Amino acid sequence: MGRTFWAMAACCLSLSAQAQQSLQTASQEISKVWTPDLGNGQYKNPVLYADYSDPDVCRAGNDYYLTASSFNAIPGLPILHSKDLVNWRIIGHALLRQPPFEHFERPQHGNGVWAPSIRYHQGEFYIYYPDPDFGIYMIKAKQAAGPWTAPVMVKAGKGLIDPCPLWDDNGDVYLVHAYAGSRAGIKSILTINRMNSEGTTVTDDGILVFDGHDAHPTLEGPKLYKRNGYYYIFAPAGGVSTGYQLVLRSRNIYGPYEEKIVMDQGSTPVNGPHQGAWVALPSGEHWFLHFQDQEAYGRVVHLQPMRWINDWPVIGADKDGDGKGEPVLTHKKPNVGKEWPAVTPQESDECNTPTLGLQWQWHANPKATWMMRAANLSYMRLFADKIPDNARNYWEVPNLLLQKFPAAQFTVTTKLTFKPRLEGDRTGLIIMGASYAYLSLTRKGDAIAIDYRTCKQADKGAAETSQILGKCNGTDIYLRVKVTKGGICTFSYSEDGKQFSAINETFTAVPGRWIGAKVGLFCTRTRQTNDSGFADIDWFRINNEP
């Protein structure tokens, strides 16, 4: 137990350092591929054109904090900060290693952290998050950037998902959650438990408060609030890509609950708008953040104006006055008392800092030997790690360093130096999903080959196809992938950074399991010895190159 405690403490200290670095570099350049702030008092949706699935937001004073599902990606539970709900920046992660630790040393696609909730209560931040195979956890922190405490199991069980707490004004503490049919054998119902005053454990078996089977199939993602004497449960229903936002209300925490659909797609291109967070501003305005499923681009985040009519929320634009809104594509920015400069989540990485950029996530709980950065080095070193013996393709390889797609169209270029030791050592630039493609350097005999590989239906164990493009004359190379609308990817490479040779075929990115496609780097080997080859990443840049 002592060893586990100190391991978690070390992780927390690391998070604090990362958060400090992020805050110090808050004036970094904004995205070259998507900025929601239009600079004229208006914004455009999505405010986060990236896969922040199942977003939840809380307010602490004049600051806003967002977290989202992270599944098997580590570090998990990203923490984003905003001053106006439009401009967001990553300031840390609440989960640097995912328990059970040994279980998550292997890629666990679609498992891990499902829809979390974040709350600010009596000077502390709380996150309740579900792992559908183990139960509901709670972590907390004095500062949203961390350090966060080690996860505490609040309610153990399979299929318990989407928890949200409520501290009532009489001192009672409650937890609402849904069920995953894949694990629990039932879905579309919501349960409320009492918790102890610390919010660390449930104290009863829970009471069924709403059944959506007849009218609202796939009811899930509940968020619990109280306003004007009513208890409200904001809960999406109807499915990820086709659903709508349902709101329930009752004078009694246990119901019976009235129901009302308060937002759906309407006449807009924003499909399945639902699951998110109601935020009340000091100015008296109300806003709602939710996701939209965009296949290979993941579940991107939209911001909607919200108002209350007869103690029911109306979200988005209610064109016909029936109390049900539809998403807005552009709108006046929230009134937060002043104008704040545009910021965006981190994307490019010059690899000049001693800690890993907050935009990066691994495929599994990382080993310390996968990647190293140092204060006096202007590169990121990826050490070749042995591919697991039972891995059929890179879907089952843990040491993939990846980040989210940042826009509908973008170009990634990276410059690296490859120093292999063994036959089969490989490094490259990858587009990762249930199918994937990558452009790599591979040691073959005394030469370094330039190799383009694709793997269709990697999640089903399919084999890669390979196309050897030639020989790298040195150890330095520039690798590039251009992504256009529809997730169409074109890879190219250059040895001088000026003239790029394009692959004569395209690859269409596809989602992973419950997530969008990702782009990133890797360095692997096929044999184990007492030392490792490596790739030094000079920089990784995202822009709108032609």
Foldseek 3Di string as FASTA:
>chain_A
DVVVQVVLVVVQVQLVVQLVVCVVCQVPDAAQFDFQDPPPLKGFPPLFLFAQAQKEWEDDPQKIWIWGFDFLWAPHGWIWIDRFVRFIATRGGARHAFPVRVVQQWQDFPFGWHRWYWYADPQKIKIWTAGQQWAIWMWIANDSSGDIHDTAHADTDHFWGQKEWDQDPVRWIKIKTFGDCVIPVDGQWMWMFTGPSVSRYTDDPTDTQDHPVPPFARWGNWYWDDDPQKIKTWIWGDDQFAIFIKMWIDNDPSDNTDIDGQEAAPPHPQHRWGRYYWYAAPVRWIKTKTWGQDWQRHTTIHIWTWDADPNQIHTHDDPPPPNHHHHDRMDRTDPSPDDDDHHHYDDKWQLQDFDDNNQKIWSGNDDPQQWGHDNPDRWIKGWAAAADPPQLDCSGGTGWIWGGDRHQWKKKKWKKFWFFDDFFKKKWKKWDALKIKTWMWGDDPPWTWTKIWIFPRVVVSGHIDIDTDGTDPHRMKMKMWIAHHQQKIWIWIDPVVPDIDIDPDIDGFGHHRNGHIIIGMGIHGHDDDPGTIIMIISIMDMHRDD
